Protein backbone atom coordinates (compact mmCIF):
# COMPACT_ATOMS: atom_id res chain seq x y z
CA UNK A 1 19.62 48.72 29.75
CA UNK A 2 18.20 52.10 28.81
CA UNK A 3 21.58 53.34 27.61
CA UNK A 4 21.94 50.31 25.34
CA UNK A 5 18.55 51.04 23.80
CA UNK A 6 19.44 54.69 23.28
CA UNK A 7 22.78 53.82 21.69
CA UNK A 8 21.10 51.30 19.39
CA UNK A 9 18.49 53.91 18.36
CA UNK A 10 21.15 56.51 17.54
CA UNK A 11 23.20 53.97 15.59
CA UNK A 12 20.16 52.97 13.51
CA UNK A 13 19.38 56.60 12.71
CA UNK A 14 23.00 57.18 11.70
CA UNK A 15 23.02 54.15 9.44
CA UNK A 16 19.78 55.32 7.80
CA UNK A 17 21.27 58.76 7.17
CA UNK A 18 24.45 57.28 5.68
CA UNK A 19 22.52 55.13 3.22
CA UNK A 20 19.20 56.83 2.43
CA UNK A 21 19.44 60.36 3.81
CA UNK A 22 22.49 61.43 1.83
CA UNK A 23 20.91 60.26 -1.41
CA UNK A 24 17.77 62.27 -0.65
CA UNK A 25 19.74 65.45 0.07
CA UNK A 26 22.07 65.14 -2.92
CA UNK A 27 19.80 66.85 -5.46
CA UNK A 28 18.49 69.63 -3.20
CA UNK A 29 20.18 72.99 -2.78
CA UNK A 30 19.76 74.94 0.42
CA UNK A 31 19.26 78.68 0.28
CA UNK A 32 21.22 80.82 2.67
CA UNK A 33 19.31 83.00 5.06
CA UNK A 34 22.01 85.60 5.58
CA UNK A 35 22.23 89.17 4.34
CA UNK A 36 21.93 89.94 0.68
CA UNK A 37 19.28 87.41 -0.34
CA UNK A 38 15.69 88.14 -1.21
CA UNK A 39 12.94 85.54 -1.08
CA UNK A 40 13.92 83.95 -4.43
CA UNK A 41 17.56 83.49 -3.46
CA UNK A 42 18.88 86.21 -5.78
CA UNK A 43 21.50 88.57 -4.46
CA UNK A 44 20.28 92.10 -3.86
CA UNK A 45 22.33 95.20 -4.55
CA UNK A 46 23.03 98.17 -2.33
CA UNK A 47 23.33 100.68 -5.17
CA UNK A 48 22.20 104.23 -4.63
CA UNK A 49 22.14 104.29 -0.84
CA UNK A 50 25.23 106.45 -0.42
CA UNK A 51 26.56 107.72 2.87
CA UNK A 52 24.03 108.11 5.65
CA UNK A 53 25.72 111.03 7.40
CA UNK A 54 28.98 112.61 8.42
CA UNK A 55 31.11 111.23 11.19
CA UNK A 56 31.63 113.21 14.36
CA UNK A 57 34.82 115.17 14.88
CA UNK A 58 35.52 113.96 18.41
CA UNK A 59 36.01 115.91 21.60
CA UNK A 60 39.57 117.04 21.04
CA UNK A 61 42.64 116.36 23.12
CA UNK A 62 42.15 119.06 25.71
CA UNK A 63 44.87 120.93 27.52
CA UNK A 64 48.11 119.18 28.41
CA UNK A 65 48.24 118.15 32.05
CA UNK A 66 50.45 120.18 34.36
CA UNK A 67 53.09 118.63 36.60
CA UNK A 68 51.11 119.47 39.74
CA UNK A 69 47.93 117.84 38.48
CA UNK A 70 49.86 114.72 37.45
CA UNK A 71 51.50 114.52 40.89
CA UNK A 72 48.13 114.93 42.61
CA UNK A 73 46.59 112.22 40.45
CA UNK A 74 49.52 109.88 41.14
CA UNK A 75 49.25 110.48 44.88
CA UNK A 76 45.52 109.83 44.76
CA UNK A 77 46.13 106.55 42.88
CA UNK A 78 49.16 105.25 44.80
CA UNK A 79 48.26 106.57 48.23
CA UNK A 80 50.02 109.08 50.51
CA UNK A 81 52.70 106.60 51.68
CA UNK A 82 54.05 106.11 48.16
CA UNK A 83 54.10 109.86 47.55
CA UNK A 84 56.05 110.53 50.76
CA UNK A 85 58.51 107.74 49.89
CA UNK A 86 59.06 109.33 46.48
CA UNK A 87 59.71 112.72 48.04
CA UNK A 88 62.17 111.18 50.51
CA UNK A 89 64.08 109.59 47.63
CA UNK A 90 64.20 112.93 45.80
CA UNK A 91 65.59 114.67 48.90
CA UNK A 92 68.28 112.03 49.38
CA UNK A 93 69.35 112.31 45.73
CA UNK A 94 69.43 116.11 45.98
CA UNK A 95 71.74 116.07 49.00
CA UNK A 96 73.97 113.41 47.43
CA UNK A 97 74.42 115.59 44.34
CA UNK A 98 75.24 118.57 46.59
CA UNK A 99 78.02 116.61 48.33
CA UNK A 100 79.49 115.52 44.98
CA UNK A 101 79.74 119.11 43.72
CA UNK A 102 81.74 120.27 46.75
C-alpha cells in the first residue's frame, strides 16, 4: 500500500508542475553560475592579463640506447628463458646460412 501512496504523490506533483509550475517559470530567466559571469549576470572580459610565464623546454631526448643495453632490458623484461631461446634461434640460422654458402 505504501508504494501506491508514493506513486500517487509523485503523480500529483507531476500534474501540478505540468499545469501550474511551467506557467510560473515561463517569465523567469535563470542566471548561469559558470565562468565569465559577475554577480549581475554580465560577461566579464579577460583583457590585459597576457601570458603568465614561459613554458618549460623539456628534458631532452637523451642518448640513443645501445644494442647491449636494449638486449639487457629485453632479457630483464622477458626473462632468461626467452633470451636463451632467442640466442638458440640465432645460432641455428647462422649455421643454416653457412651450409647454404658452401
